[in-house]
Amino acid sequence: MAQKTGFGATLTFGTTTTYTPKKRSISGPGMSREALETSHLATTGGFKTFIPDDLVDGGEVTTDVFWDPLDGWPPIEAAPEVVTITHNDTGAATEIFTAFVSGFDKAMQLGELMMATVTLKVAGEVNFTA
């Protein structure tokens, strides 16, 4: 399997959002599943025991973007919508999920390009297609 860079990957919102800044990076979704402790006073072997939770947390996606006030603000007040991450491979693998903007943090510094971080909270199942 050849190693690849992220060049050409995209993150797009569904039809209700027109926010499309230039993205520098896309991270996530970072999914997790809680471990439920089953240890009790008579557990043997000296180690705690666990079982997996029934549900998976879809996690968050963060994207670092070039901040341009003309792009407007991300839809932090909007309802959840479909988000698609398209990979840059020849098969155009995708991750499709419902999410909402849960964070927006911009930085304006002397001698540097204006940047912002947009955080999305995944609100359900993540569907991966290779």
N, C-alpha and C. Protein backbone atom coordinates (compact mmCIF):
# COMPACT_ATOMS: atom_id res chain seq x y z
N MET A 1 0.83 -1.17 0.00
CA MET A 1 0.00 0.00 0.00
C MET A 1 0.89 1.24 0.00
N ALA A 2 0.65 2.13 -0.92
CA ALA A 2 1.43 3.35 -1.03
C ALA A 2 1.01 4.36 0.03
N GLN A 3 1.96 5.09 0.54
CA GLN A 3 1.69 6.17 1.49
C GLN A 3 1.23 7.40 0.73
N LYS A 4 0.31 8.15 1.30
CA LYS A 4 -0.24 9.31 0.63
C LYS A 4 -0.26 10.51 1.56
N THR A 5 -0.32 11.69 0.97
CA THR A 5 -0.52 12.91 1.75
C THR A 5 -2.01 13.23 1.75
N GLY A 6 -2.39 14.24 2.48
CA GLY A 6 -3.78 14.65 2.52
C GLY A 6 -4.18 15.59 1.40
N PHE A 7 -3.23 15.92 0.53
CA PHE A 7 -3.50 16.86 -0.55
C PHE A 7 -4.70 16.40 -1.38
N GLY A 8 -5.66 17.28 -1.57
CA GLY A 8 -6.83 16.97 -2.38
C GLY A 8 -8.04 16.48 -1.59
N ALA A 9 -7.87 16.20 -0.29
CA ALA A 9 -9.01 15.78 0.52
C ALA A 9 -9.95 16.97 0.72
N THR A 10 -11.24 16.68 0.87
CA THR A 10 -12.22 17.76 1.05
C THR A 10 -13.17 17.44 2.20
N LEU A 11 -13.75 18.49 2.76
CA LEU A 11 -14.81 18.39 3.76
C LEU A 11 -15.90 19.34 3.30
N THR A 12 -17.09 18.80 3.09
CA THR A 12 -18.20 19.64 2.62
C THR A 12 -19.41 19.46 3.52
N PHE A 13 -20.13 20.55 3.71
CA PHE A 13 -21.39 20.54 4.43
C PHE A 13 -22.51 20.18 3.47
N GLY A 14 -23.65 19.76 4.04
CA GLY A 14 -24.83 19.48 3.24
C GLY A 14 -25.37 20.73 2.57
N THR A 15 -26.56 20.67 2.11
CA THR A 15 -27.12 21.73 1.27
C THR A 15 -27.51 22.99 2.02
N THR A 16 -27.56 22.97 3.35
CA THR A 16 -28.03 24.16 4.07
C THR A 16 -26.92 25.15 4.38
N THR A 17 -25.68 24.81 4.11
CA THR A 17 -24.56 25.67 4.47
C THR A 17 -23.75 26.06 3.24
N THR A 18 -23.39 27.33 3.17
CA THR A 18 -22.55 27.80 2.07
C THR A 18 -21.15 28.16 2.55
N TYR A 19 -20.82 27.81 3.79
CA TYR A 19 -19.50 28.12 4.35
C TYR A 19 -18.46 27.20 3.74
N THR A 20 -17.55 27.77 2.93
CA THR A 20 -16.56 26.95 2.21
C THR A 20 -15.17 27.60 2.23
N PRO A 21 -14.57 27.78 3.39
CA PRO A 21 -13.23 28.37 3.42
C PRO A 21 -12.18 27.38 2.90
N LYS A 22 -11.01 27.89 2.61
CA LYS A 22 -9.90 27.02 2.20
C LYS A 22 -9.38 26.30 3.45
N LYS A 23 -9.31 24.98 3.36
CA LYS A 23 -8.92 24.16 4.51
C LYS A 23 -7.45 23.80 4.44
N ARG A 24 -6.80 23.85 5.57
CA ARG A 24 -5.39 23.49 5.67
C ARG A 24 -5.23 22.05 6.16
N SER A 25 -6.18 21.61 7.01
CA SER A 25 -6.11 20.24 7.53
C SER A 25 -7.51 19.79 7.95
N ILE A 26 -7.68 18.48 7.98
CA ILE A 26 -8.92 17.85 8.45
C ILE A 26 -8.50 16.71 9.37
N SER A 27 -9.03 16.70 10.60
CA SER A 27 -8.70 15.64 11.56
C SER A 27 -9.98 15.02 12.08
N GLY A 28 -10.00 13.70 12.14
CA GLY A 28 -11.16 13.00 12.69
C GLY A 28 -12.02 12.41 11.59
N PRO A 29 -13.14 11.84 11.92
CA PRO A 29 -13.70 11.78 13.27
C PRO A 29 -12.94 10.81 14.18
N GLY A 30 -12.79 11.22 15.43
CA GLY A 30 -12.11 10.41 16.42
C GLY A 30 -13.13 9.66 17.25
N MET A 31 -13.52 8.51 16.77
CA MET A 31 -14.57 7.73 17.44
C MET A 31 -14.05 7.05 18.70
N SER A 32 -14.96 6.81 19.65
CA SER A 32 -14.57 6.12 20.87
C SER A 32 -15.74 5.29 21.40
N ARG A 33 -15.39 4.32 22.22
CA ARG A 33 -16.38 3.45 22.85
C ARG A 33 -15.97 3.28 24.30
N GLU A 34 -16.85 3.62 25.20
CA GLU A 34 -16.54 3.56 26.62
C GLU A 34 -16.35 2.11 27.09
N ALA A 35 -15.51 1.97 28.09
CA ALA A 35 -15.33 0.68 28.76
C ALA A 35 -16.08 0.73 30.09
N LEU A 36 -16.95 -0.23 30.31
CA LEU A 36 -17.74 -0.29 31.53
C LEU A 36 -17.10 -1.30 32.48
N GLU A 37 -16.72 -0.82 33.65
CA GLU A 37 -16.04 -1.69 34.60
C GLU A 37 -17.00 -2.71 35.21
N THR A 38 -16.58 -3.97 35.21
CA THR A 38 -17.38 -5.05 35.79
C THR A 38 -16.72 -5.66 37.03
N SER A 39 -15.63 -5.07 37.48
CA SER A 39 -14.93 -5.58 38.67
C SER A 39 -15.85 -5.55 39.88
N HIS A 40 -15.66 -6.50 40.76
CA HIS A 40 -16.45 -6.56 41.99
C HIS A 40 -15.55 -7.06 43.12
N LEU A 41 -16.09 -7.13 44.30
CA LEU A 41 -15.27 -7.48 45.47
C LEU A 41 -14.68 -8.88 45.39
N ALA A 42 -15.26 -9.75 44.57
CA ALA A 42 -14.75 -11.12 44.47
C ALA A 42 -14.00 -11.36 43.16
N THR A 43 -13.67 -10.29 42.41
CA THR A 43 -12.93 -10.46 41.16
C THR A 43 -11.57 -11.07 41.48
N THR A 44 -11.19 -12.09 40.72
CA THR A 44 -9.93 -12.77 40.96
C THR A 44 -8.89 -12.34 39.93
N GLY A 45 -7.63 -12.62 40.22
CA GLY A 45 -6.55 -12.39 39.29
C GLY A 45 -5.83 -11.06 39.45
N GLY A 46 -6.36 -10.16 40.29
CA GLY A 46 -5.65 -8.91 40.55
C GLY A 46 -5.81 -7.84 39.49
N PHE A 47 -6.71 -8.04 38.52
CA PHE A 47 -6.93 -7.04 37.47
C PHE A 47 -8.40 -6.66 37.40
N LYS A 48 -8.66 -5.41 37.06
CA LYS A 48 -10.02 -4.97 36.82
C LYS A 48 -10.55 -5.65 35.57
N THR A 49 -11.86 -5.82 35.50
CA THR A 49 -12.49 -6.41 34.31
C THR A 49 -13.45 -5.39 33.70
N PHE A 50 -13.64 -5.50 32.38
CA PHE A 50 -14.45 -4.53 31.64
C PHE A 50 -15.26 -5.21 30.55
N ILE A 51 -16.35 -4.54 30.14
CA ILE A 51 -17.07 -4.90 28.93
C ILE A 51 -17.26 -3.61 28.13
N PRO A 52 -17.46 -3.73 26.81
CA PRO A 52 -17.65 -2.52 26.01
C PRO A 52 -19.06 -1.96 26.17
N ASP A 53 -19.18 -0.63 26.10
CA ASP A 53 -20.48 0.03 26.11
C ASP A 53 -21.24 -0.40 24.85
N ASP A 54 -22.55 -0.26 24.88
CA ASP A 54 -23.37 -0.63 23.73
C ASP A 54 -23.22 0.34 22.57
N LEU A 55 -22.91 1.60 22.86
CA LEU A 55 -22.92 2.63 21.82
C LEU A 55 -21.53 3.22 21.59
N VAL A 56 -21.29 3.65 20.37
CA VAL A 56 -20.04 4.31 19.98
C VAL A 56 -20.30 5.80 19.88
N ASP A 57 -19.38 6.60 20.39
CA ASP A 57 -19.44 8.05 20.24
C ASP A 57 -18.71 8.40 18.94
N GLY A 58 -19.41 9.05 18.02
CA GLY A 58 -18.81 9.41 16.73
C GLY A 58 -17.68 10.40 16.83
N GLY A 59 -17.53 11.06 17.98
CA GLY A 59 -16.40 11.94 18.20
C GLY A 59 -16.55 13.30 17.55
N GLU A 60 -15.41 13.88 17.22
CA GLU A 60 -15.38 15.21 16.63
C GLU A 60 -14.49 15.21 15.40
N VAL A 61 -14.72 16.22 14.58
CA VAL A 61 -13.86 16.51 13.43
C VAL A 61 -13.39 17.94 13.61
N THR A 62 -12.10 18.17 13.43
CA THR A 62 -11.60 19.54 13.43
C THR A 62 -10.98 19.84 12.08
N THR A 63 -11.15 21.06 11.64
CA THR A 63 -10.53 21.48 10.39
C THR A 63 -9.92 22.86 10.61
N ASP A 64 -8.65 22.98 10.26
CA ASP A 64 -7.98 24.27 10.32
C ASP A 64 -8.16 24.94 8.97
N VAL A 65 -8.64 26.18 9.01
CA VAL A 65 -8.98 26.89 7.78
C VAL A 65 -8.27 28.24 7.74
N PHE A 66 -8.06 28.74 6.52
CA PHE A 66 -7.60 30.11 6.37
C PHE A 66 -8.78 31.02 6.65
N TRP A 67 -8.68 31.86 7.67
CA TRP A 67 -9.78 32.72 8.08
C TRP A 67 -9.83 33.96 7.19
N ASP A 68 -10.95 34.14 6.55
CA ASP A 68 -11.21 35.33 5.74
C ASP A 68 -12.60 35.82 6.13
N PRO A 69 -12.71 37.03 6.70
CA PRO A 69 -14.02 37.52 7.11
C PRO A 69 -15.04 37.51 5.97
N LEU A 70 -14.60 37.58 4.72
CA LEU A 70 -15.53 37.54 3.60
C LEU A 70 -16.19 36.17 3.43
N ASP A 71 -15.57 35.13 4.02
CA ASP A 71 -16.17 33.79 3.97
C ASP A 71 -17.36 33.67 4.91
N GLY A 72 -17.49 34.63 5.83
CA GLY A 72 -18.54 34.55 6.83
C GLY A 72 -18.10 33.66 7.99
N TRP A 73 -19.06 33.30 8.79
CA TRP A 73 -18.82 32.46 9.96
C TRP A 73 -19.34 31.06 9.69
N PRO A 74 -18.76 30.07 10.32
CA PRO A 74 -19.33 28.73 10.18
C PRO A 74 -20.72 28.70 10.83
N PRO A 75 -21.57 27.80 10.43
CA PRO A 75 -22.96 27.78 10.92
C PRO A 75 -23.09 27.20 12.32
N ILE A 76 -22.51 27.90 13.31
CA ILE A 76 -22.50 27.37 14.67
C ILE A 76 -23.89 27.32 15.29
N GLU A 77 -24.83 28.11 14.77
CA GLU A 77 -26.19 28.11 15.31
C GLU A 77 -27.12 27.18 14.55
N ALA A 78 -26.62 26.55 13.50
CA ALA A 78 -27.46 25.73 12.63
C ALA A 78 -27.72 24.34 13.21
N ALA A 79 -28.76 23.72 12.71
CA ALA A 79 -29.11 22.35 13.08
C ALA A 79 -28.08 21.39 12.47
N PRO A 80 -27.99 20.17 12.99
CA PRO A 80 -27.10 19.19 12.38
C PRO A 80 -27.42 18.97 10.90
N GLU A 81 -26.38 18.70 10.12
CA GLU A 81 -26.57 18.43 8.70
C GLU A 81 -25.55 17.41 8.23
N VAL A 82 -25.74 16.91 7.03
CA VAL A 82 -24.85 15.90 6.48
C VAL A 82 -23.50 16.54 6.14
N VAL A 83 -22.43 15.87 6.57
CA VAL A 83 -21.07 16.30 6.27
C VAL A 83 -20.39 15.16 5.54
N THR A 84 -19.62 15.50 4.51
CA THR A 84 -18.90 14.48 3.74
C THR A 84 -17.41 14.81 3.73
N ILE A 85 -16.59 13.87 4.14
CA ILE A 85 -15.14 13.96 3.96
C ILE A 85 -14.80 13.05 2.80
N THR A 86 -14.19 13.61 1.77
CA THR A 86 -13.78 12.83 0.61
C THR A 86 -12.26 12.73 0.63
N HIS A 87 -11.77 11.50 0.60
CA HIS A 87 -10.33 11.26 0.60
C HIS A 87 -9.77 11.52 -0.79
N ASN A 88 -8.47 11.65 -0.87
CA ASN A 88 -7.84 12.00 -2.13
C ASN A 88 -7.39 10.79 -2.94
N ASP A 89 -7.86 9.61 -2.60
CA ASP A 89 -7.45 8.42 -3.33
C ASP A 89 -8.21 8.29 -4.65
N THR A 90 -7.75 7.43 -5.51
CA THR A 90 -8.38 7.27 -6.82
C THR A 90 -9.78 6.70 -6.72
N GLY A 91 -10.08 5.95 -5.67
CA GLY A 91 -11.42 5.41 -5.48
C GLY A 91 -12.35 6.38 -4.80
N ALA A 92 -11.84 7.54 -4.40
CA ALA A 92 -12.62 8.59 -3.73
C ALA A 92 -13.38 8.05 -2.52
N ALA A 93 -12.65 7.45 -1.60
CA ALA A 93 -13.26 6.97 -0.35
C ALA A 93 -13.90 8.14 0.38
N THR A 94 -15.03 7.87 1.04
CA THR A 94 -15.74 8.94 1.74
C THR A 94 -16.11 8.51 3.15
N GLU A 95 -16.28 9.50 4.00
CA GLU A 95 -16.87 9.34 5.32
C GLU A 95 -18.05 10.30 5.35
N ILE A 96 -19.25 9.77 5.57
CA ILE A 96 -20.46 10.58 5.55
C ILE A 96 -21.16 10.42 6.89
N PHE A 97 -21.54 11.56 7.49
CA PHE A 97 -22.16 11.54 8.81
C PHE A 97 -22.93 12.83 9.03
N THR A 98 -23.79 12.83 10.03
CA THR A 98 -24.50 14.03 10.44
C THR A 98 -23.70 14.68 11.55
N ALA A 99 -23.54 16.01 11.47
CA ALA A 99 -22.77 16.73 12.48
C ALA A 99 -23.26 18.17 12.57
N PHE A 100 -22.82 18.84 13.62
CA PHE A 100 -23.10 20.26 13.77
C PHE A 100 -21.83 20.96 14.25
N VAL A 101 -21.73 22.25 13.96
CA VAL A 101 -20.57 23.03 14.39
C VAL A 101 -20.69 23.25 15.89
N SER A 102 -19.68 22.79 16.63
CA SER A 102 -19.68 22.95 18.08
C SER A 102 -18.61 23.91 18.57
N GLY A 103 -17.73 24.35 17.66
CA GLY A 103 -16.68 25.28 18.07
C GLY A 103 -16.11 26.05 16.90
N PHE A 104 -15.71 27.28 17.16
CA PHE A 104 -15.08 28.14 16.16
C PHE A 104 -14.11 29.05 16.89
N ASP A 105 -12.83 28.99 16.53
CA ASP A 105 -11.80 29.78 17.20
C ASP A 105 -10.87 30.33 16.14
N LYS A 106 -10.79 31.66 16.02
CA LYS A 106 -9.94 32.28 15.01
C LYS A 106 -8.76 32.97 15.66
N ALA A 107 -7.69 33.13 14.90
CA ALA A 107 -6.49 33.80 15.40
C ALA A 107 -5.99 34.79 14.36
N MET A 108 -5.68 35.99 14.82
CA MET A 108 -5.12 37.03 13.96
C MET A 108 -3.83 37.49 14.62
N GLN A 109 -2.69 37.19 13.97
CA GLN A 109 -1.40 37.50 14.57
C GLN A 109 -0.53 38.25 13.57
N LEU A 110 0.30 39.11 14.08
CA LEU A 110 1.21 39.89 13.27
C LEU A 110 2.17 38.97 12.51
N GLY A 111 2.28 39.17 11.22
CA GLY A 111 3.23 38.41 10.41
C GLY A 111 2.80 37.00 10.07
N GLU A 112 1.55 36.66 10.33
CA GLU A 112 1.06 35.31 10.01
C GLU A 112 -0.28 35.40 9.31
N LEU A 113 -0.59 34.40 8.53
CA LEU A 113 -1.89 34.32 7.89
C LEU A 113 -2.97 34.11 8.95
N MET A 114 -4.13 34.70 8.74
CA MET A 114 -5.23 34.51 9.69
C MET A 114 -5.76 33.09 9.54
N MET A 115 -5.86 32.38 10.66
CA MET A 115 -6.31 30.99 10.68
C MET A 115 -7.47 30.85 11.66
N ALA A 116 -8.23 29.78 11.48
CA ALA A 116 -9.31 29.44 12.41
C ALA A 116 -9.41 27.93 12.51
N THR A 117 -9.94 27.47 13.62
CA THR A 117 -10.23 26.05 13.80
C THR A 117 -11.74 25.91 13.96
N VAL A 118 -12.33 25.05 13.14
CA VAL A 118 -13.76 24.77 13.21
C VAL A 118 -13.89 23.34 13.74
N THR A 119 -14.70 23.17 14.78
CA THR A 119 -14.92 21.85 15.38
C THR A 119 -16.35 21.41 15.09
N LEU A 120 -16.49 20.18 14.63
CA LEU A 120 -17.80 19.59 14.35
C LEU A 120 -18.02 18.43 15.32
N LYS A 121 -19.21 18.33 15.90
CA LYS A 121 -19.57 17.18 16.73
C LYS A 121 -20.39 16.22 15.90
N VAL A 122 -19.90 15.00 15.76
CA VAL A 122 -20.62 13.97 15.02
C VAL A 122 -21.85 13.59 15.83
N ALA A 123 -23.01 13.58 15.17
CA ALA A 123 -24.27 13.37 15.87
C ALA A 123 -24.93 12.04 15.52
N GLY A 124 -24.14 11.06 15.13
CA GLY A 124 -24.70 9.76 14.78
C GLY A 124 -23.65 8.88 14.14
N GLU A 125 -24.10 7.94 13.35
CA GLU A 125 -23.24 6.95 12.71
C GLU A 125 -22.34 7.57 11.66
N VAL A 126 -21.11 7.07 11.57
CA VAL A 126 -20.18 7.46 10.51
C VAL A 126 -20.14 6.33 9.49
N ASN A 127 -20.48 6.66 8.25
CA ASN A 127 -20.50 5.66 7.17
C ASN A 127 -19.28 5.86 6.29
N PHE A 128 -18.45 4.81 6.21
CA PHE A 128 -17.22 4.85 5.42
C PHE A 128 -17.43 4.02 4.15
N THR A 129 -17.08 4.61 3.02
CA THR A 129 -17.14 3.90 1.75
C THR A 129 -15.77 3.97 1.11
N ALA A 130 -15.20 2.83 0.80
CA ALA A 130 -13.87 2.79 0.17
C ALA A 130 -13.99 2.81 -1.34
